């Protein structure tokens, strides 16, 4: 399942957003301030970020600008009551991928999230075809035809990283960082997971001294 970071200090709205996203299968982390969001992005990888603009510490605009300047490219949607052209322009200038004005329709938000996920995985649909395999973007599942390939939670974390960066060399450090939350951040464990993913039908190259690459189909 895709992981979403929600940055919102309104208690009622943040709880509603988290419940909505979790009800459709997303994994959600909530930050109620800019500094809390920075802490979370330093510890976890996300597929989508939802930012309010007026948050404690400093604005959502400044937060995204800092993340973009540090190399963070995770798709971000601003959810804000600011509806003037200057604010809209500012949001896109700092690197926003979408901008939704409050109050917004929750179904519309889900549609926009789904569209950004497809875009980040370079797919026009909710799935990526890889040789005889099908990768489901929103559920982070791998199928052989109609049969689900059973993968451990740690392997599914690596699966998402591979498909979001297909054809790119991903460093061992990035993979170990991804696994850290499962307390499985060792190179030995990483090799075991890579072996399992290869047996699933993924063509994974070992880039000596650097990391791994999922070869484009």
N, C-alpha and C. Protein backbone atom coordinates (compact mmCIF):
# COMPACT_ATOMS: atom_id res chain seq x y z
N UNK A 1 0.84 -1.19 0.00
CA UNK A 1 0.00 0.00 0.00
C UNK A 1 0.88 1.25 0.00
N UNK A 2 0.41 2.30 -0.64
CA UNK A 2 1.16 3.55 -0.70
C UNK A 2 1.14 4.23 0.67
N UNK A 3 2.27 4.89 0.99
CA UNK A 3 2.37 5.60 2.25
C UNK A 3 2.17 7.09 2.00
N UNK A 4 1.35 7.71 2.85
CA UNK A 4 0.99 9.12 2.71
C UNK A 4 1.40 9.87 3.96
N UNK A 5 2.03 11.03 3.75
CA UNK A 5 2.32 11.93 4.86
C UNK A 5 1.32 13.08 4.83
N UNK A 6 0.56 13.23 5.91
CA UNK A 6 -0.40 14.33 6.05
C UNK A 6 0.19 15.35 7.02
N UNK A 7 0.29 16.59 6.59
CA UNK A 7 0.78 17.67 7.46
C UNK A 7 -0.38 18.66 7.64
N UNK A 8 -1.01 18.57 8.78
CA UNK A 8 -2.23 19.35 9.05
C UNK A 8 -2.38 19.50 10.56
N UNK A 9 -2.57 20.76 11.04
CA UNK A 9 -2.67 20.98 12.48
C UNK A 9 -4.11 21.11 12.97
N UNK A 10 -5.07 21.09 12.05
CA UNK A 10 -6.48 21.10 12.45
C UNK A 10 -6.85 19.68 12.89
N UNK A 11 -7.17 19.51 14.16
CA UNK A 11 -7.38 18.19 14.73
C UNK A 11 -8.50 17.43 14.03
N UNK A 12 -9.63 18.07 13.84
CA UNK A 12 -10.78 17.38 13.24
C UNK A 12 -10.49 16.99 11.79
N UNK A 13 -9.95 17.93 11.02
CA UNK A 13 -9.66 17.64 9.62
C UNK A 13 -8.58 16.57 9.49
N UNK A 14 -7.54 16.65 10.31
CA UNK A 14 -6.46 15.68 10.22
C UNK A 14 -6.95 14.27 10.54
N UNK A 15 -7.80 14.15 11.57
CA UNK A 15 -8.35 12.83 11.91
C UNK A 15 -9.23 12.30 10.79
N UNK A 16 -10.02 13.19 10.20
CA UNK A 16 -10.91 12.79 9.10
C UNK A 16 -10.09 12.33 7.90
N UNK A 17 -9.04 13.08 7.56
CA UNK A 17 -8.19 12.71 6.43
C UNK A 17 -7.52 11.36 6.66
N UNK A 18 -6.99 11.16 7.85
CA UNK A 18 -6.31 9.90 8.15
C UNK A 18 -7.28 8.72 8.06
N UNK A 19 -8.47 8.89 8.62
CA UNK A 19 -9.47 7.83 8.56
C UNK A 19 -9.88 7.53 7.13
N UNK A 20 -10.06 8.58 6.33
CA UNK A 20 -10.43 8.41 4.92
C UNK A 20 -9.36 7.64 4.16
N UNK A 21 -8.13 8.06 4.29
CA UNK A 21 -7.03 7.43 3.54
C UNK A 21 -6.80 5.99 3.98
N UNK A 22 -6.88 5.76 5.27
CA UNK A 22 -6.69 4.39 5.78
C UNK A 22 -7.84 3.48 5.35
N UNK A 23 -9.05 4.05 5.22
CA UNK A 23 -10.21 3.24 4.84
C UNK A 23 -10.10 2.70 3.42
N UNK A 24 -9.31 3.37 2.56
CA UNK A 24 -9.14 2.89 1.18
C UNK A 24 -7.80 2.19 0.99
N UNK A 25 -7.08 1.95 2.10
CA UNK A 25 -5.90 1.12 2.03
C UNK A 25 -4.56 1.80 2.13
N UNK A 26 -4.53 3.13 2.26
CA UNK A 26 -3.25 3.81 2.38
C UNK A 26 -2.71 3.70 3.81
N UNK A 27 -1.39 3.72 3.91
CA UNK A 27 -0.73 3.80 5.21
C UNK A 27 -0.42 5.27 5.45
N UNK A 28 -0.81 5.80 6.62
CA UNK A 28 -0.77 7.25 6.83
C UNK A 28 0.04 7.61 8.07
N UNK A 29 0.89 8.65 7.92
CA UNK A 29 1.55 9.28 9.05
C UNK A 29 1.07 10.72 9.11
N UNK A 30 0.85 11.22 10.33
CA UNK A 30 0.37 12.58 10.52
C UNK A 30 1.42 13.42 11.23
N UNK A 31 1.67 14.61 10.70
CA UNK A 31 2.51 15.61 11.37
C UNK A 31 1.66 16.86 11.57
N UNK A 32 1.74 17.46 12.74
CA UNK A 32 0.94 18.65 13.03
C UNK A 32 1.78 19.92 13.01
N UNK A 33 3.05 19.81 12.60
CA UNK A 33 3.91 20.99 12.48
C UNK A 33 4.96 20.72 11.41
N UNK A 34 5.60 21.78 10.94
CA UNK A 34 6.61 21.64 9.90
C UNK A 34 7.82 20.85 10.40
N UNK A 35 8.25 21.11 11.62
CA UNK A 35 9.42 20.39 12.14
C UNK A 35 9.12 18.90 12.32
N UNK A 36 7.89 18.57 12.74
CA UNK A 36 7.50 17.17 12.87
C UNK A 36 7.51 16.50 11.50
N UNK A 37 7.09 17.23 10.47
CA UNK A 37 7.10 16.69 9.11
C UNK A 37 8.53 16.42 8.65
N UNK A 38 9.44 17.34 8.95
CA UNK A 38 10.85 17.13 8.58
C UNK A 38 11.42 15.89 9.26
N UNK A 39 11.06 15.70 10.52
CA UNK A 39 11.53 14.51 11.24
C UNK A 39 11.02 13.23 10.57
N UNK A 40 9.76 13.23 10.17
CA UNK A 40 9.18 12.04 9.55
C UNK A 40 9.80 11.76 8.18
N UNK A 41 10.02 12.79 7.39
CA UNK A 41 10.60 12.57 6.06
C UNK A 41 12.05 12.13 6.15
N UNK A 42 12.70 12.41 7.27
CA UNK A 42 14.07 11.96 7.47
C UNK A 42 14.12 10.48 7.86
N UNK A 43 13.01 9.95 8.34
CA UNK A 43 12.98 8.57 8.82
C UNK A 43 12.24 7.63 7.89
N UNK A 44 11.38 8.16 7.03
CA UNK A 44 10.49 7.30 6.25
C UNK A 44 10.36 7.81 4.82
N UNK A 45 10.18 6.90 3.90
CA UNK A 45 9.89 7.25 2.52
C UNK A 45 8.38 7.24 2.31
N UNK A 46 7.89 8.19 1.54
CA UNK A 46 6.46 8.29 1.25
C UNK A 46 6.24 8.30 -0.26
N UNK A 47 5.03 7.93 -0.65
CA UNK A 47 4.66 8.01 -2.07
C UNK A 47 3.90 9.30 -2.38
N UNK A 48 3.21 9.86 -1.38
CA UNK A 48 2.42 11.08 -1.55
C UNK A 48 2.50 11.90 -0.26
N UNK A 49 2.53 13.23 -0.41
CA UNK A 49 2.48 14.12 0.74
C UNK A 49 1.31 15.10 0.56
N UNK A 50 0.57 15.35 1.65
CA UNK A 50 -0.53 16.31 1.66
C UNK A 50 -0.20 17.39 2.69
N UNK A 51 0.00 18.62 2.25
CA UNK A 51 0.44 19.70 3.14
C UNK A 51 -0.62 20.80 3.26
N UNK A 52 -0.91 21.18 4.50
CA UNK A 52 -1.59 22.45 4.73
C UNK A 52 -0.53 23.54 4.60
N UNK A 53 -0.94 24.78 4.40
CA UNK A 53 0.03 25.88 4.27
C UNK A 53 0.29 26.53 5.62
N UNK A 54 -0.77 26.87 6.35
CA UNK A 54 -0.61 27.55 7.63
C UNK A 54 -0.46 26.53 8.75
N UNK A 55 0.79 26.18 9.04
CA UNK A 55 1.10 25.19 10.08
C UNK A 55 2.14 25.76 11.03
N UNK A 56 2.26 25.21 12.24
CA UNK A 56 3.25 25.71 13.20
C UNK A 56 4.69 25.55 12.70
N UNK A 57 5.57 26.33 13.25
CA UNK A 57 7.02 26.39 12.99
C UNK A 57 7.31 27.27 11.78
N UNK A 58 6.88 26.83 10.60
CA UNK A 58 6.97 27.65 9.40
C UNK A 58 5.97 27.10 8.39
N UNK A 59 5.74 27.84 7.32
CA UNK A 59 4.64 27.50 6.42
C UNK A 59 4.89 26.24 5.61
N UNK A 60 3.79 25.69 5.10
CA UNK A 60 3.91 24.54 4.21
C UNK A 60 4.69 24.86 2.97
N UNK A 61 4.60 26.11 2.48
CA UNK A 61 5.40 26.53 1.33
C UNK A 61 6.89 26.40 1.63
N UNK A 62 7.29 26.91 2.79
CA UNK A 62 8.70 26.85 3.19
C UNK A 62 9.14 25.40 3.40
N UNK A 63 8.24 24.61 3.98
CA UNK A 63 8.55 23.20 4.22
C UNK A 63 8.84 22.48 2.90
N UNK A 64 7.96 22.65 1.92
CA UNK A 64 8.18 21.96 0.65
C UNK A 64 9.42 22.50 -0.06
N UNK A 65 9.65 23.79 0.01
CA UNK A 65 10.85 24.37 -0.60
C UNK A 65 12.11 23.72 -0.02
N UNK A 66 12.15 23.55 1.31
CA UNK A 66 13.30 22.92 1.96
C UNK A 66 13.47 21.48 1.48
N UNK A 67 12.35 20.75 1.40
CA UNK A 67 12.43 19.36 0.98
C UNK A 67 12.89 19.25 -0.48
N UNK A 68 12.36 20.09 -1.35
CA UNK A 68 12.76 20.05 -2.75
C UNK A 68 14.24 20.40 -2.90
N UNK A 69 14.72 21.38 -2.15
CA UNK A 69 16.13 21.77 -2.25
C UNK A 69 17.06 20.68 -1.73
N UNK A 70 16.53 19.81 -0.87
CA UNK A 70 17.34 18.70 -0.35
C UNK A 70 17.28 17.47 -1.25
N UNK A 71 16.52 17.55 -2.34
CA UNK A 71 16.44 16.44 -3.28
C UNK A 71 15.20 15.60 -3.17
N UNK A 72 14.29 15.96 -2.28
CA UNK A 72 13.04 15.21 -2.12
C UNK A 72 12.11 15.49 -3.30
N UNK A 73 11.70 14.44 -4.01
CA UNK A 73 10.84 14.60 -5.20
C UNK A 73 9.46 13.96 -5.02
N UNK A 74 9.10 13.61 -3.79
CA UNK A 74 7.81 12.96 -3.54
C UNK A 74 6.67 13.88 -3.95
N UNK A 75 5.70 13.38 -4.71
CA UNK A 75 4.56 14.22 -5.12
C UNK A 75 3.86 14.84 -3.92
N UNK A 76 3.50 16.11 -4.05
CA UNK A 76 2.89 16.83 -2.93
C UNK A 76 1.66 17.60 -3.40
N UNK A 77 0.59 17.50 -2.61
CA UNK A 77 -0.64 18.27 -2.86
C UNK A 77 -0.83 19.24 -1.70
N UNK A 78 -1.02 20.52 -2.00
CA UNK A 78 -1.37 21.48 -0.97
C UNK A 78 -2.87 21.46 -0.75
N UNK A 79 -3.28 21.36 0.50
CA UNK A 79 -4.69 21.45 0.89
C UNK A 79 -4.83 22.71 1.74
N UNK A 80 -5.42 23.76 1.19
CA UNK A 80 -5.39 25.04 1.89
C UNK A 80 -6.61 25.89 1.62
N UNK A 81 -6.91 26.77 2.56
CA UNK A 81 -8.02 27.71 2.39
C UNK A 81 -7.58 28.93 1.60
N UNK A 82 -6.28 29.07 1.36
CA UNK A 82 -5.77 30.20 0.57
C UNK A 82 -6.18 30.01 -0.89
N UNK A 83 -6.93 30.94 -1.41
CA UNK A 83 -7.45 30.75 -2.77
C UNK A 83 -7.09 31.88 -3.72
N UNK A 84 -6.14 32.74 -3.33
CA UNK A 84 -5.73 33.82 -4.22
C UNK A 84 -4.68 33.31 -5.20
N UNK A 85 -4.55 34.00 -6.31
CA UNK A 85 -3.63 33.58 -7.36
C UNK A 85 -2.18 33.59 -6.88
N UNK A 86 -1.84 34.56 -6.03
CA UNK A 86 -0.46 34.65 -5.53
C UNK A 86 -0.09 33.39 -4.73
N UNK A 87 -1.01 32.90 -3.89
CA UNK A 87 -0.75 31.70 -3.11
C UNK A 87 -0.67 30.48 -4.01
N UNK A 88 -1.57 30.41 -4.98
CA UNK A 88 -1.54 29.29 -5.93
C UNK A 88 -0.21 29.27 -6.68
N UNK A 89 0.22 30.43 -7.14
CA UNK A 89 1.49 30.52 -7.85
C UNK A 89 2.65 30.14 -6.95
N UNK A 90 2.62 30.60 -5.71
CA UNK A 90 3.69 30.28 -4.75
C UNK A 90 3.78 28.78 -4.52
N UNK A 91 2.63 28.12 -4.41
CA UNK A 91 2.62 26.68 -4.19
C UNK A 91 3.32 25.93 -5.30
N UNK A 92 3.04 26.28 -6.54
CA UNK A 92 3.68 25.59 -7.66
C UNK A 92 5.15 25.99 -7.81
N UNK A 93 5.47 27.22 -7.44
CA UNK A 93 6.87 27.67 -7.53
C UNK A 93 7.78 26.85 -6.62
N UNK A 94 7.29 26.47 -5.45
CA UNK A 94 8.13 25.72 -4.50
C UNK A 94 8.12 24.22 -4.77
N UNK A 95 7.34 23.79 -5.78
CA UNK A 95 7.41 22.38 -6.16
C UNK A 95 6.19 21.55 -5.94
N UNK A 96 5.03 22.18 -5.72
CA UNK A 96 3.80 21.41 -5.54
C UNK A 96 3.41 20.72 -6.86
N UNK A 97 2.77 19.57 -6.73
CA UNK A 97 2.28 18.85 -7.90
C UNK A 97 0.80 19.08 -8.13
N UNK A 98 0.10 19.53 -7.08
CA UNK A 98 -1.33 19.82 -7.19
C UNK A 98 -1.70 20.74 -6.04
N UNK A 99 -2.88 21.35 -6.15
CA UNK A 99 -3.30 22.37 -5.19
C UNK A 99 -4.82 22.27 -5.07
N UNK A 100 -5.31 21.95 -3.88
CA UNK A 100 -6.74 21.75 -3.68
C UNK A 100 -7.23 22.71 -2.60
N UNK A 101 -8.23 23.51 -2.94
CA UNK A 101 -8.72 24.53 -2.02
C UNK A 101 -9.74 23.96 -1.03
N UNK A 102 -9.61 24.35 0.23
CA UNK A 102 -10.57 23.96 1.26
C UNK A 102 -11.80 24.86 1.16
N UNK A 103 -12.99 24.35 1.45
CA UNK A 103 -13.29 22.93 1.71
C UNK A 103 -13.29 22.16 0.39
N UNK A 104 -12.82 20.93 0.43
CA UNK A 104 -12.72 20.14 -0.80
C UNK A 104 -13.53 18.85 -0.65
N UNK A 105 -13.83 18.26 -1.78
CA UNK A 105 -14.57 17.00 -1.80
C UNK A 105 -13.58 15.86 -1.59
N UNK A 106 -13.87 14.97 -0.65
CA UNK A 106 -12.93 13.89 -0.33
C UNK A 106 -12.75 12.94 -1.50
N UNK A 107 -13.81 12.70 -2.25
CA UNK A 107 -13.67 11.83 -3.42
C UNK A 107 -12.74 12.45 -4.45
N UNK A 108 -12.82 13.77 -4.60
CA UNK A 108 -11.91 14.45 -5.54
C UNK A 108 -10.47 14.31 -5.07
N UNK A 109 -10.24 14.41 -3.77
CA UNK A 109 -8.89 14.24 -3.24
C UNK A 109 -8.35 12.86 -3.58
N UNK A 110 -9.16 11.83 -3.40
CA UNK A 110 -8.72 10.47 -3.70
C UNK A 110 -8.38 10.31 -5.18
N UNK A 111 -9.17 10.95 -6.03
CA UNK A 111 -8.90 10.89 -7.47
C UNK A 111 -7.57 11.55 -7.78
N UNK A 112 -7.30 12.69 -7.17
CA UNK A 112 -6.05 13.40 -7.42
C UNK A 112 -4.84 12.62 -6.90
N UNK A 113 -4.99 11.99 -5.73
CA UNK A 113 -3.91 11.17 -5.19
C UNK A 113 -3.61 10.01 -6.14
N UNK A 114 -4.67 9.35 -6.59
CA UNK A 114 -4.50 8.23 -7.51
C UNK A 114 -3.80 8.66 -8.79
N UNK A 115 -4.16 9.83 -9.31
CA UNK A 115 -3.54 10.33 -10.54
C UNK A 115 -2.05 10.60 -10.34
N UNK A 116 -1.70 11.18 -9.19
CA UNK A 116 -0.29 11.47 -8.93
C UNK A 116 0.51 10.20 -8.72
N UNK A 117 -0.10 9.20 -8.10
CA UNK A 117 0.59 7.92 -7.93
C UNK A 117 0.90 7.30 -9.29
N UNK A 118 -0.08 7.32 -10.18
CA UNK A 118 0.15 6.76 -11.52
C UNK A 118 1.27 7.51 -12.23
N UNK A 119 1.27 8.83 -12.08
CA UNK A 119 2.29 9.65 -12.73
C UNK A 119 3.67 9.34 -12.17
N UNK A 120 3.78 9.18 -10.85
CA UNK A 120 5.08 8.93 -10.24
C UNK A 120 5.63 7.57 -10.60
N UNK A 121 4.72 6.63 -10.96
CA UNK A 121 5.15 5.31 -11.39
C UNK A 121 5.19 5.20 -12.92
N UNK A 122 5.10 6.36 -13.59
CA UNK A 122 5.15 6.43 -15.06
C UNK A 122 4.13 5.51 -15.69
N UNK A 123 2.91 5.53 -15.15
CA UNK A 123 1.85 4.68 -15.66
C UNK A 123 0.58 5.50 -15.84
N UNK A 124 -0.16 5.23 -16.91
CA UNK A 124 -1.42 5.91 -17.13
C UNK A 124 -2.58 5.15 -16.49
N UNK A 125 -2.29 3.96 -15.96
CA UNK A 125 -3.30 3.14 -15.30
C UNK A 125 -2.86 2.88 -13.86
N UNK A 126 -3.65 2.09 -13.13
CA UNK A 126 -3.33 1.80 -11.74
C UNK A 126 -2.42 0.59 -11.59
N UNK A 127 -1.83 0.17 -12.70
CA UNK A 127 -0.95 -0.99 -12.64
C UNK A 127 0.18 -0.83 -13.65
N UNK A 128 1.27 -1.53 -13.37
CA UNK A 128 2.43 -1.54 -14.24
C UNK A 128 2.65 -2.97 -14.70
N UNK A 129 2.74 -3.18 -16.01
CA UNK A 129 2.99 -4.52 -16.55
C UNK A 129 4.50 -4.70 -16.70
N UNK A 130 4.99 -5.79 -16.13
CA UNK A 130 6.42 -6.08 -16.16
C UNK A 130 6.60 -7.54 -16.58
N UNK A 131 6.97 -7.73 -17.85
CA UNK A 131 7.08 -9.08 -18.39
C UNK A 131 5.75 -9.81 -18.16
N UNK A 132 5.76 -10.93 -17.46
CA UNK A 132 4.51 -11.66 -17.23
C UNK A 132 3.85 -11.24 -15.92
N UNK A 133 4.41 -10.22 -15.27
CA UNK A 133 3.92 -9.79 -13.96
C UNK A 133 3.09 -8.51 -14.08
N UNK A 134 2.25 -8.30 -13.10
CA UNK A 134 1.47 -7.07 -13.00
C UNK A 134 1.67 -6.51 -11.60
N UNK A 135 2.12 -5.25 -11.54
CA UNK A 135 2.32 -4.57 -10.27
C UNK A 135 1.17 -3.60 -10.05
N UNK A 136 0.43 -3.77 -8.95
CA UNK A 136 -0.68 -2.89 -8.60
C UNK A 136 -0.15 -1.73 -7.77
N UNK A 137 -0.24 -0.53 -8.32
CA UNK A 137 0.38 0.64 -7.69
C UNK A 137 -0.22 0.96 -6.32
N UNK A 138 -1.54 1.09 -6.25
CA UNK A 138 -2.16 1.58 -5.02
C UNK A 138 -2.12 0.57 -3.88
N UNK A 139 -2.10 -0.72 -4.21
CA UNK A 139 -2.05 -1.73 -3.15
C UNK A 139 -0.65 -2.30 -2.94
N UNK A 140 0.29 -1.91 -3.82
CA UNK A 140 1.67 -2.41 -3.74
C UNK A 140 1.69 -3.94 -3.71
N UNK A 141 1.03 -4.53 -4.72
CA UNK A 141 0.95 -5.99 -4.82
C UNK A 141 1.47 -6.43 -6.18
N UNK A 142 2.00 -7.65 -6.23
CA UNK A 142 2.57 -8.22 -7.45
C UNK A 142 1.79 -9.48 -7.82
N UNK A 143 1.40 -9.56 -9.09
CA UNK A 143 0.61 -10.69 -9.57
C UNK A 143 1.30 -11.38 -10.74
N UNK A 144 1.13 -12.68 -10.81
CA UNK A 144 1.49 -13.48 -11.98
C UNK A 144 0.16 -13.89 -12.58
N UNK A 145 -0.24 -13.18 -13.65
CA UNK A 145 -1.59 -13.37 -14.16
C UNK A 145 -2.58 -12.88 -13.12
N UNK A 146 -3.48 -13.74 -12.68
CA UNK A 146 -4.45 -13.36 -11.65
C UNK A 146 -4.03 -13.86 -10.26
N UNK A 147 -2.88 -14.49 -10.18
CA UNK A 147 -2.43 -15.06 -8.91
C UNK A 147 -1.52 -14.09 -8.16
N UNK A 148 -1.90 -13.79 -6.93
CA UNK A 148 -1.11 -12.89 -6.10
C UNK A 148 0.18 -13.59 -5.65
N UNK A 149 1.30 -12.91 -5.82
CA UNK A 149 2.58 -13.42 -5.33
C UNK A 149 2.74 -12.96 -3.89
N UNK A 150 2.85 -13.90 -2.99
CA UNK A 150 2.93 -13.57 -1.57
C UNK A 150 4.32 -13.06 -1.23
N UNK A 151 4.37 -11.87 -0.65
CA UNK A 151 5.63 -11.25 -0.26
C UNK A 151 5.52 -10.77 1.18
N UNK A 152 6.64 -10.83 1.89
CA UNK A 152 6.68 -10.32 3.26
C UNK A 152 6.61 -8.80 3.23
N UNK A 153 6.19 -8.16 4.33
CA UNK A 153 6.10 -6.69 4.38
C UNK A 153 7.41 -6.01 3.98
N UNK A 154 8.55 -6.59 4.40
CA UNK A 154 9.85 -6.00 4.07
C UNK A 154 10.09 -6.04 2.56
N UNK A 155 9.71 -7.16 1.94
CA UNK A 155 9.90 -7.31 0.49
C UNK A 155 9.00 -6.36 -0.28
N UNK A 156 7.80 -6.10 0.25
CA UNK A 156 6.88 -5.19 -0.41
C UNK A 156 7.39 -3.75 -0.34
N UNK A 157 8.12 -3.42 0.71
CA UNK A 157 8.72 -2.08 0.78
C UNK A 157 9.73 -1.89 -0.34
N UNK A 158 10.53 -2.93 -0.58
CA UNK A 158 11.53 -2.85 -1.65
C UNK A 158 10.85 -2.86 -3.01
N UNK A 159 9.76 -3.59 -3.12
CA UNK A 159 9.02 -3.68 -4.37
C UNK A 159 8.55 -2.30 -4.81
N UNK A 160 7.98 -1.54 -3.90
CA UNK A 160 7.50 -0.19 -4.22
C UNK A 160 8.65 0.70 -4.67
N UNK A 161 9.77 0.60 -4.01
CA UNK A 161 10.93 1.42 -4.36
C UNK A 161 11.43 1.08 -5.76
N UNK A 162 11.49 -0.20 -6.07
CA UNK A 162 11.94 -0.62 -7.40
C UNK A 162 11.03 -0.10 -8.51
N UNK A 163 9.72 -0.24 -8.33
CA UNK A 163 8.81 0.14 -9.40
C UNK A 163 8.67 1.65 -9.54
N UNK A 164 8.88 2.40 -8.47
CA UNK A 164 8.83 3.85 -8.58
C UNK A 164 10.10 4.41 -9.20
N UNK A 165 11.17 3.60 -9.23
CA UNK A 165 12.44 4.06 -9.79
C UNK A 165 13.01 3.02 -10.75
N UNK A 166 12.11 2.45 -11.55
CA UNK A 166 12.52 1.40 -12.48
C UNK A 166 13.59 1.89 -13.45
N UNK A 167 14.61 1.08 -13.63
CA UNK A 167 15.69 1.41 -14.54
C UNK A 167 16.78 2.26 -13.91
N UNK A 168 16.55 2.73 -12.68
CA UNK A 168 17.55 3.54 -11.99
C UNK A 168 18.32 2.69 -10.99
N UNK A 169 19.57 3.03 -10.78
CA UNK A 169 20.36 2.36 -9.75
C UNK A 169 19.99 2.95 -8.39
N UNK A 170 19.58 2.08 -7.48
CA UNK A 170 19.18 2.50 -6.14
C UNK A 170 20.25 2.02 -5.16
N UNK A 171 20.74 2.91 -4.35
CA UNK A 171 21.85 2.57 -3.45
C UNK A 171 21.40 1.62 -2.35
N UNK A 172 22.35 0.86 -1.84
CA UNK A 172 22.06 -0.03 -0.71
C UNK A 172 21.58 0.79 0.49
N UNK A 173 22.12 2.00 0.61
CA UNK A 173 21.72 2.85 1.73
C UNK A 173 20.24 3.19 1.66
N UNK A 174 19.74 3.44 0.44
CA UNK A 174 18.32 3.74 0.28
C UNK A 174 17.45 2.55 0.68
N UNK A 175 17.90 1.36 0.29
CA UNK A 175 17.13 0.17 0.65
C UNK A 175 17.17 -0.07 2.16
N UNK A 176 18.33 0.09 2.77
CA UNK A 176 18.45 -0.12 4.21
C UNK A 176 17.63 0.92 4.97
N UNK A 177 17.60 2.13 4.46
CA UNK A 177 16.78 3.18 5.07
C UNK A 177 15.31 2.79 5.00
N UNK A 178 14.91 2.23 3.87
CA UNK A 178 13.51 1.81 3.70
C UNK A 178 13.15 0.70 4.68
N UNK A 179 14.09 -0.17 4.99
CA UNK A 179 13.83 -1.31 5.86
C UNK A 179 13.97 -0.99 7.34
N UNK A 180 14.48 0.17 7.65
CA UNK A 180 14.83 0.47 9.04
C UNK A 180 13.66 0.35 9.98
N UNK A 181 12.47 0.74 9.51
CA UNK A 181 11.29 0.66 10.37
C UNK A 181 10.92 -0.75 10.75
N UNK A 182 11.42 -1.74 9.99
CA UNK A 182 11.13 -3.14 10.31
C UNK A 182 12.27 -3.77 11.11
N UNK A 183 13.24 -2.95 11.50
CA UNK A 183 14.40 -3.45 12.23
C UNK A 183 15.12 -4.58 11.48
N UNK A 184 15.11 -4.44 10.16
CA UNK A 184 15.76 -5.45 9.32
C UNK A 184 16.81 -4.78 8.45
N UNK A 185 17.41 -3.71 8.94
CA UNK A 185 18.33 -2.93 8.13
C UNK A 185 19.74 -3.49 8.20
N UNK A 186 19.94 -4.65 7.61
CA UNK A 186 21.27 -5.23 7.50
C UNK A 186 21.48 -5.68 6.07
N UNK A 187 22.73 -5.67 5.62
CA UNK A 187 23.01 -6.06 4.24
C UNK A 187 22.70 -7.53 4.01
N UNK A 188 22.87 -8.35 5.04
CA UNK A 188 22.54 -9.77 4.91
C UNK A 188 21.06 -9.97 4.65
N UNK A 189 20.23 -9.26 5.42
CA UNK A 189 18.78 -9.35 5.22
C UNK A 189 18.40 -8.81 3.85
N UNK A 190 19.06 -7.75 3.42
CA UNK A 190 18.77 -7.16 2.12
C UNK A 190 19.03 -8.17 1.00
N UNK A 191 20.11 -8.90 1.08
CA UNK A 191 20.42 -9.91 0.05
C UNK A 191 19.35 -11.00 0.01
N UNK A 192 18.85 -11.37 1.17
CA UNK A 192 17.80 -12.39 1.23
C UNK A 192 16.54 -11.89 0.54
N UNK A 193 16.16 -10.65 0.81
CA UNK A 193 14.96 -10.08 0.19
C UNK A 193 15.13 -9.96 -1.32
N UNK A 194 16.33 -9.58 -1.76
CA UNK A 194 16.58 -9.46 -3.20
C UNK A 194 16.45 -10.82 -3.88
N UNK A 195 16.92 -11.84 -3.23
CA UNK A 195 16.82 -13.20 -3.78
C UNK A 195 15.36 -13.60 -3.94
N UNK A 196 14.53 -13.28 -2.95
CA UNK A 196 13.11 -13.61 -3.02
C UNK A 196 12.42 -12.85 -4.15
N UNK A 197 12.76 -11.58 -4.31
CA UNK A 197 12.14 -10.78 -5.37
C UNK A 197 12.56 -11.28 -6.75
N UNK A 198 13.80 -11.71 -6.88
CA UNK A 198 14.26 -12.27 -8.16
C UNK A 198 13.49 -13.54 -8.49
N UNK A 199 13.24 -14.36 -7.48
CA UNK A 199 12.49 -15.60 -7.70
C UNK A 199 11.05 -15.32 -8.10
N UNK A 200 10.57 -14.12 -7.78
CA UNK A 200 9.22 -13.73 -8.16
C UNK A 200 9.12 -13.37 -9.63
N UNK A 201 10.27 -13.21 -10.27
CA UNK A 201 10.29 -12.89 -11.70
C UNK A 201 10.83 -11.53 -12.04
N UNK A 202 11.32 -10.78 -11.05
CA UNK A 202 11.90 -9.46 -11.30
C UNK A 202 13.36 -9.61 -11.72
N UNK A 203 13.74 -8.90 -12.77
CA UNK A 203 15.13 -8.92 -13.21
C UNK A 203 15.89 -7.81 -12.49
N UNK A 204 16.53 -8.19 -11.40
CA UNK A 204 17.23 -7.23 -10.55
C UNK A 204 18.73 -7.38 -10.74
N UNK A 205 19.39 -6.32 -11.15
CA UNK A 205 20.84 -6.33 -11.31
C UNK A 205 21.52 -5.86 -10.03
N UNK A 206 22.62 -6.51 -9.70
CA UNK A 206 23.45 -6.02 -8.60
C UNK A 206 24.50 -5.09 -9.20
N UNK A 207 24.53 -3.86 -8.75
CA UNK A 207 25.52 -2.89 -9.21
C UNK A 207 26.63 -2.88 -8.17
N UNK A 208 27.73 -3.51 -8.51
CA UNK A 208 28.79 -3.77 -7.55
C UNK A 208 29.23 -2.49 -6.83
N UNK A 209 29.24 -2.59 -5.51
CA UNK A 209 29.71 -1.48 -4.68
C UNK A 209 28.73 -0.34 -4.55
N UNK A 210 27.57 -0.45 -5.21
CA UNK A 210 26.62 0.65 -5.19
C UNK A 210 25.25 0.24 -4.68
N UNK A 211 24.60 -0.69 -5.38
CA UNK A 211 23.25 -1.07 -4.99
C UNK A 211 22.62 -2.01 -5.98
N UNK A 212 21.36 -1.74 -6.34
CA UNK A 212 20.60 -2.64 -7.21
C UNK A 212 19.78 -1.83 -8.21
N UNK A 213 19.40 -2.49 -9.31
CA UNK A 213 18.59 -1.84 -10.34
C UNK A 213 17.57 -2.84 -10.86
N UNK A 214 16.30 -2.40 -10.98
CA UNK A 214 15.29 -3.20 -11.63
C UNK A 214 15.34 -2.90 -13.12
N UNK A 215 15.73 -3.89 -13.91
CA UNK A 215 15.88 -3.70 -15.35
C UNK A 215 14.51 -3.46 -15.97
N UNK A 216 14.43 -2.46 -16.84
CA UNK A 216 13.17 -2.16 -17.50
C UNK A 216 12.73 -3.34 -18.36
N UNK A 217 11.44 -3.62 -18.34
CA UNK A 217 10.92 -4.75 -19.11
C UNK A 217 10.97 -4.46 -20.60
